[in-house]
N, C-alpha and C. Protein backbone atom coordinates (compact mmCIF):
# COMPACT_ATOMS: atom_id res chain seq x y z
N UNK A 1 10.47 7.78 37.49
CA UNK A 1 9.40 7.09 36.87
C UNK A 1 9.63 7.37 36.04
N UNK A 2 9.97 6.48 33.99
CA UNK A 2 9.46 6.30 32.83
C UNK A 2 8.66 6.40 32.28
N UNK A 3 7.96 7.06 31.94
CA UNK A 3 7.15 6.13 31.25
C UNK A 3 7.12 4.87 29.89
N UNK A 4 6.41 4.71 29.32
CA UNK A 4 6.40 3.79 28.46
C UNK A 4 6.47 4.18 27.56
N UNK A 5 6.31 4.86 27.02
CA UNK A 5 6.70 5.53 26.43
C UNK A 5 7.64 5.91 25.61
N UNK A 6 8.18 6.76 26.76
CA UNK A 6 9.65 6.70 27.17
C UNK A 6 10.06 5.34 27.17
N UNK A 7 9.30 4.85 27.76
CA UNK A 7 10.52 2.93 27.62
C UNK A 7 10.89 2.99 26.69
N UNK A 8 9.61 2.70 25.73
CA UNK A 8 9.44 2.09 24.70
C UNK A 8 10.99 2.69 23.16
N UNK A 9 10.60 4.34 23.45
CA UNK A 9 11.40 5.20 22.71
C UNK A 9 12.69 4.96 22.69
N UNK A 10 12.96 4.69 24.01
CA UNK A 10 14.31 4.31 24.64
C UNK A 10 15.25 2.94 24.07
N UNK A 11 13.95 1.85 24.15
CA UNK A 11 14.41 1.04 23.32
C UNK A 11 15.14 0.93 22.08
N UNK A 12 13.87 1.69 21.22
CA UNK A 12 14.02 1.67 19.73
C UNK A 12 15.12 3.07 19.51
N UNK A 13 15.31 3.46 20.06
CA UNK A 13 16.15 4.78 19.91
C UNK A 13 17.20 4.97 21.15
N UNK A 14 18.61 4.18 21.63
CA UNK A 14 19.21 4.40 22.59
C UNK A 14 19.89 5.19 23.08
N UNK A 15 20.09 6.41 21.53
CA UNK A 15 21.05 7.27 21.32
C UNK A 15 19.77 8.46 20.65
N UNK A 16 18.71 8.34 21.55
CA UNK A 16 17.58 10.01 20.61
C UNK A 16 17.33 9.22 19.19
N UNK A 17 16.85 10.29 19.09
CA UNK A 17 15.97 10.22 17.37
C UNK A 17 16.30 11.99 16.46
N UNK A 18 16.76 12.01 16.11
CA UNK A 18 16.39 13.88 15.12
C UNK A 18 15.14 13.44 14.32
N UNK A 19 15.41 14.48 14.24
CA UNK A 19 14.15 15.45 12.73
C UNK A 19 13.76 14.09 12.38
N UNK A 20 14.98 14.01 11.24
CA UNK A 20 15.13 13.26 9.68
C UNK A 20 14.65 11.81 10.06
N UNK A 21 14.65 11.84 11.65
CA UNK A 21 14.52 10.01 11.61
C UNK A 21 13.24 10.23 11.97
N UNK A 22 13.02 10.72 12.73
CA UNK A 22 11.71 11.11 12.99
C UNK A 22 10.30 11.45 11.90
N UNK A 23 10.86 11.64 10.93
CA UNK A 23 9.46 12.22 9.85
C UNK A 23 9.75 10.78 8.90
N UNK A 24 10.79 10.18 8.78
CA UNK A 24 11.22 8.61 8.07
C UNK A 24 10.34 8.39 9.06
N UNK A 25 10.51 7.78 10.37
CA UNK A 25 9.66 7.47 10.57
C UNK A 25 7.96 7.37 10.29
N UNK A 26 8.07 8.40 10.77
CA UNK A 26 6.68 9.02 10.45
C UNK A 26 6.05 8.47 8.71
N UNK A 27 6.85 8.67 7.82
CA UNK A 27 6.58 8.22 6.62
C UNK A 27 6.34 6.55 6.59
N UNK A 28 7.09 5.82 7.52
CA UNK A 28 7.03 4.44 7.17
C UNK A 28 6.05 4.00 7.61
N UNK A 29 5.77 4.40 8.99
CA UNK A 29 4.19 3.99 9.62
C UNK A 29 3.57 4.18 8.71
N UNK A 30 2.83 5.37 7.89
CA UNK A 30 1.90 6.14 6.90
C UNK A 30 1.89 5.02 5.55
N UNK A 31 3.05 5.02 4.93
CA UNK A 31 3.15 3.60 3.96
C UNK A 31 2.31 2.21 4.60
N UNK A 32 2.85 2.05 5.49
CA UNK A 32 2.57 0.95 5.99
C UNK A 32 1.24 0.64 6.66
N UNK A 33 0.52 2.18 7.53
CA UNK A 33 -0.81 1.56 7.48
C UNK A 33 -1.87 1.71 6.18
N UNK A 34 -1.47 2.58 5.31
CA UNK A 34 -2.31 2.30 4.21
C UNK A 34 -2.29 0.85 3.19
N UNK A 35 -0.93 0.52 3.05
CA UNK A 35 -0.41 -1.25 2.63
C UNK A 35 -1.25 -1.60 3.23
N UNK A 36 -0.79 -1.39 5.03
CA UNK A 36 -1.87 -2.86 5.19
C UNK A 36 -3.50 -2.97 5.35
N UNK A 37 -3.91 -1.32 5.28
CA UNK A 37 -5.60 -0.74 5.26
C UNK A 37 -6.19 -1.63 3.68
N UNK A 38 -5.68 -2.08 2.76
CA UNK A 38 -5.61 -2.75 1.48
C UNK A 38 -6.73 -4.34 2.13
N UNK A 39 -6.05 -4.37 3.35
CA UNK A 39 -6.84 -6.11 2.97
C UNK A 39 -7.66 -5.74 4.17
N UNK A 40 -8.35 -4.99 4.82
CA UNK A 40 -9.31 -4.42 6.06
C UNK A 40 -10.30 -4.04 4.62
N UNK A 41 -10.14 -3.27 3.51
CA UNK A 41 -11.32 -3.00 2.69
C UNK A 41 -11.71 -3.69 1.72
N UNK A 42 -10.87 -4.85 1.12
CA UNK A 42 -11.01 -6.15 1.00
C UNK A 42 -11.83 -6.91 1.53
N UNK A 43 -11.59 -7.04 2.53
CA UNK A 43 -12.55 -8.33 3.61
C UNK A 43 -13.93 -7.73 4.12
N UNK A 44 -13.83 -6.34 4.28
CA UNK A 44 -15.86 -5.48 4.16
C UNK A 44 -15.70 -5.74 3.55
N UNK A 45 -14.98 -5.84 2.10
CA UNK A 45 -15.87 -5.70 1.46
C UNK A 45 -16.22 -7.06 0.69
N UNK A 46 -16.09 -7.94 0.50
CA UNK A 46 -15.97 -9.76 0.73
C UNK A 46 -17.78 -9.11 1.60
N UNK A 47 -17.08 -9.22 2.88
CA UNK A 47 -17.79 -9.65 3.63
C UNK A 47 -20.01 -9.13 3.49
N UNK A 48 -19.69 -7.64 2.56
CA UNK A 48 -21.09 -7.62 2.33
C UNK A 48 -21.13 -8.14 1.08
N UNK A 49 -20.58 -8.74 0.22
CA UNK A 49 -21.38 -9.41 -0.62
C UNK A 49 -20.55 -10.24 -0.58
N UNK A 50 -20.68 -11.43 0.76
CA UNK A 50 -20.49 -12.73 0.50
C UNK A 50 -19.67 -13.68 -0.14
N UNK A 51 -18.95 -13.32 -0.77
CA UNK A 51 -17.53 -13.73 -1.47
C UNK A 51 -16.26 -13.00 -1.23
N UNK A 52 -15.39 -13.70 -1.76
CA UNK A 52 -14.33 -13.21 -1.68
C UNK A 52 -14.02 -12.11 -3.02
N UNK A 53 -13.65 -11.11 -2.32
CA UNK A 53 -14.03 -9.68 -3.76
C UNK A 53 -12.83 -8.98 -4.02
N UNK A 54 -11.60 -8.93 -4.79
CA UNK A 54 -11.39 -8.03 -5.05
C UNK A 54 -11.64 -6.72 -5.01
N UNK A 55 -11.62 -5.42 -4.56
CA UNK A 55 -12.04 -4.03 -5.03
C UNK A 55 -11.09 -3.71 -5.91
N UNK A 56 -11.31 -2.26 -6.49
CA UNK A 56 -10.40 -1.47 -7.20
C UNK A 56 -9.72 -0.49 -5.71
N UNK A 57 -10.32 -0.44 -5.13
CA UNK A 57 -10.10 -0.01 -3.93
C UNK A 57 -8.67 -0.82 -3.62
N UNK A 58 -8.72 -1.28 -3.26
CA UNK A 58 -7.69 -2.70 -3.09
C UNK A 58 -6.16 -2.70 -3.82
N UNK A 59 -6.67 -2.44 -4.80
CA UNK A 59 -5.23 -2.21 -6.54
C UNK A 59 -4.46 -1.00 -5.69
N UNK A 60 -5.86 0.22 -5.12
CA UNK A 60 -5.59 1.83 -5.33
C UNK A 60 -4.26 1.56 -3.81
N UNK A 61 -5.04 1.13 -3.15
CA UNK A 61 -4.13 1.02 -1.95
C UNK A 61 -2.54 0.31 -1.81
N UNK A 62 -2.52 -0.74 -2.52
CA UNK A 62 -1.70 -1.13 -3.46
C UNK A 62 -0.30 -0.88 -3.17
N UNK A 63 -0.97 -0.17 -4.87
CA UNK A 63 -0.17 0.91 -5.27
C UNK A 63 0.17 2.91 -4.72
N UNK A 64 -0.45 2.98 -3.57
CA UNK A 64 -0.07 3.76 -3.31
C UNK A 64 0.54 3.49 -1.67
N UNK A 65 0.24 2.69 -0.93
CA UNK A 65 1.35 1.89 0.03
C UNK A 65 2.71 1.47 -0.67
N UNK A 66 2.86 0.52 -1.89
CA UNK A 66 3.47 0.14 -2.54
C UNK A 66 4.93 1.05 -2.37
N UNK A 67 4.48 2.64 -3.40
CA UNK A 67 5.15 3.45 -3.92
C UNK A 67 5.56 3.57 -2.01
N UNK A 68 4.98 4.45 -1.38
CA UNK A 68 5.48 5.44 -0.25
C UNK A 68 6.39 3.97 0.40
N UNK A 69 6.21 3.00 0.29
CA UNK A 69 6.89 1.68 0.92
C UNK A 69 8.38 1.85 0.19
N UNK A 70 8.23 1.92 -0.67
CA UNK A 70 9.37 2.22 -1.78
C UNK A 70 10.04 2.83 -1.38
N UNK A 71 9.74 4.26 -1.10
CA UNK A 71 10.64 5.67 -1.10
C UNK A 71 10.99 5.70 -0.19
N UNK A 72 10.68 5.12 0.83
CA UNK A 72 10.71 4.78 2.70
C UNK A 72 12.57 3.75 2.54
N UNK A 73 12.07 3.08 1.71
CA UNK A 73 13.66 1.49 1.18
C UNK A 73 13.89 2.37 1.18
N UNK A 74 13.70 3.15 0.50
CA UNK A 74 15.17 3.74 -0.41
C UNK A 74 15.87 4.96 -0.20
N UNK A 75 15.03 5.64 1.31
CA UNK A 75 15.78 6.70 2.22
C UNK A 75 16.60 6.16 3.43
N UNK A 76 15.92 4.79 3.27
CA UNK A 76 16.98 3.60 4.36
C UNK A 76 17.76 2.75 3.58
N UNK A 77 17.62 3.22 2.82
CA UNK A 77 18.89 2.11 1.84
C UNK A 77 18.85 0.77 2.11
N UNK A 78 17.96 0.03 1.71
CA UNK A 78 16.95 -0.43 2.06
C UNK A 78 16.74 -2.06 0.96
N UNK A 79 17.62 -2.20 0.11
CA UNK A 79 17.41 -3.20 -0.88
C UNK A 79 16.06 -4.20 -0.63
N UNK A 80 16.59 -4.47 0.47
CA UNK A 80 15.28 -6.18 0.24
C UNK A 80 14.39 -4.90 0.42
N UNK A 81 13.51 -4.31 0.73
CA UNK A 81 12.42 -3.87 0.81
C UNK A 81 12.20 -3.19 0.10
N UNK A 82 12.78 -2.66 -0.97
CA UNK A 82 13.32 -1.52 -2.29
C UNK A 82 12.66 -3.39 -3.32
N UNK A 83 13.43 -4.09 -3.24
CA UNK A 83 13.16 -5.39 -4.04
C UNK A 83 11.75 -5.99 -4.17
N UNK A 84 10.90 -6.20 -3.06
CA UNK A 84 9.66 -6.98 -2.53
C UNK A 84 8.67 -5.73 -2.83
N UNK A 85 9.23 -4.80 -2.42
CA UNK A 85 7.83 -2.96 -2.72
C UNK A 85 8.08 -3.08 -4.60
N UNK A 86 9.29 -3.01 -4.73
CA UNK A 86 9.61 -2.06 -6.55
C UNK A 86 9.07 -3.61 -7.56
N UNK A 87 9.48 -5.35 -6.60
CA UNK A 87 8.32 -5.88 -7.42
C UNK A 87 7.10 -5.34 -7.31
N UNK A 88 6.37 -5.55 -6.39
CA UNK A 88 5.31 -5.47 -6.22
C UNK A 88 4.43 -4.09 -7.00
N UNK A 89 4.82 -3.12 -6.92
CA UNK A 89 4.89 -1.79 -7.66
C UNK A 89 3.96 -2.33 -9.34
N UNK A 90 5.34 -3.33 -9.40
CA UNK A 90 5.30 -3.86 -11.50
C UNK A 90 3.48 -4.06 -11.55
N UNK A 91 3.45 -5.11 -10.37
CA UNK A 91 2.13 -6.36 -10.29
C UNK A 91 0.89 -5.71 -10.13
N UNK A 92 0.83 -4.15 -8.86
CA UNK A 92 -0.53 -3.52 -9.00
C UNK A 92 -0.72 -2.52 -9.86
N UNK A 93 0.23 -2.48 -10.93
CA UNK A 93 0.41 -1.49 -11.88
C UNK A 93 -0.53 -1.87 -13.23
N UNK A 94 -0.25 -2.73 -13.40
CA UNK A 94 -0.75 -4.51 -14.41
C UNK A 94 -1.88 -4.84 -14.54
N UNK A 95 -2.24 -5.27 -12.51
CA UNK A 95 -3.56 -5.14 -12.63
C UNK A 95 -4.85 -3.78 -12.03
N UNK A 96 -4.41 -2.48 -12.06
CA UNK A 96 -4.81 -1.83 -12.78
C UNK A 96 -4.86 -1.88 -14.22
N UNK A 97 -4.12 -1.46 -15.00
CA UNK A 97 -4.07 -1.98 -16.17
C UNK A 97 -5.04 -2.62 -16.83
N UNK A 98 -4.97 -4.10 -16.24
CA UNK A 98 -5.55 -4.72 -17.38
C UNK A 98 -7.23 -4.16 -16.74
N UNK A 99 -7.83 -4.03 -14.96
CA UNK A 99 -8.94 -3.52 -15.20
C UNK A 99 -9.42 -2.55 -15.86
N UNK A 100 -8.36 -1.54 -16.15
CA UNK A 100 -9.19 -0.15 -16.92
C UNK A 100 -9.63 -0.56 -18.58
N UNK A 101 -8.31 -1.67 -19.61
CA UNK A 101 -8.28 -2.46 -20.20
C UNK A 101 -9.23 -2.89 -20.24
N UNK A 102 -10.01 -4.35 -19.25
CA UNK A 102 -11.22 -4.45 -19.81
C UNK A 102 -12.76 -3.43 -19.72
N UNK A 103 -12.26 -2.78 -18.49
CA UNK A 103 -14.26 -1.87 -18.98
C UNK A 103 -14.05 -0.86 -20.09
N UNK A 104 -12.91 -0.43 -20.84
CA UNK A 104 -12.73 -0.01 -21.41
C UNK A 104 -13.34 -1.00 -22.67
N UNK A 105 -13.27 -2.00 -23.21
CA UNK A 105 -13.96 -3.19 -23.74
C UNK A 105 -15.04 -3.45 -23.94
N UNK A 106 -15.49 -3.32 -22.77
CA UNK A 106 -16.88 -3.87 -22.42
C UNK A 106 -17.51 -2.94 -22.55
N UNK A 107 -17.56 -1.14 -22.43
CA UNK A 107 -18.50 -0.63 -22.98
C UNK A 107 -18.72 -0.24 -24.11
N UNK A 108 -17.35 -1.13 -24.93
CA UNK A 108 -17.28 -0.71 -26.12
C UNK A 108 -18.55 -1.70 -26.50
N UNK A 109 -18.61 -2.77 -25.87
CA UNK A 109 -19.36 -3.47 -26.41
C UNK A 109 -20.91 -3.45 -26.20
N UNK A 110 -20.92 -2.61 -24.80
CA UNK A 110 -22.47 -2.63 -25.01
C UNK A 110 -22.80 -1.21 -25.55
N UNK A 111 -21.59 -0.18 -26.27
CA UNK A 111 -22.17 1.29 -27.04
C UNK A 111 -22.81 0.62 -28.32
N UNK A 112 -22.18 -0.81 -28.72
CA UNK A 112 -21.69 -0.87 -30.40
C UNK A 112 -23.06 -1.71 -30.49
N UNK A 113 -23.77 -1.28 -31.61
CA UNK A 113 -25.39 -1.68 -32.04
C UNK A 113 -24.98 -3.45 -32.02
N UNK A 114 -25.79 -4.45 -32.29
CA UNK A 114 -25.62 -5.63 -32.31
C UNK A 114 -26.07 -6.17 -33.60
N UNK A 115 -25.10 -6.94 -33.86
CA UNK A 115 -25.01 -7.04 -35.54
C UNK A 115 -25.65 -8.65 -35.63
């Protein structure tokens, strides 16, 4: 009798799976897990603060997961995922830039003596 895992693997890969495909599958799954973890982080922080919050970790996970998914898309030669993740990567990077620029400005204002 075929195990459940064997049945699932045969359904996804009726002709079997080679090492390269298995590695690519693992990269894609890890990338998707990282990308999805950002919502868990955002939810936990928001629950603790009792208001909707987007923590810095959300943007880092978005960028890391997006970059990994973009690489996965390139290896799969999937232009749809490349376009979607490429756009996201730009947005996540820009948000991180804006966050750090504001922190730098706020730090300079605190350090400057009042006039």
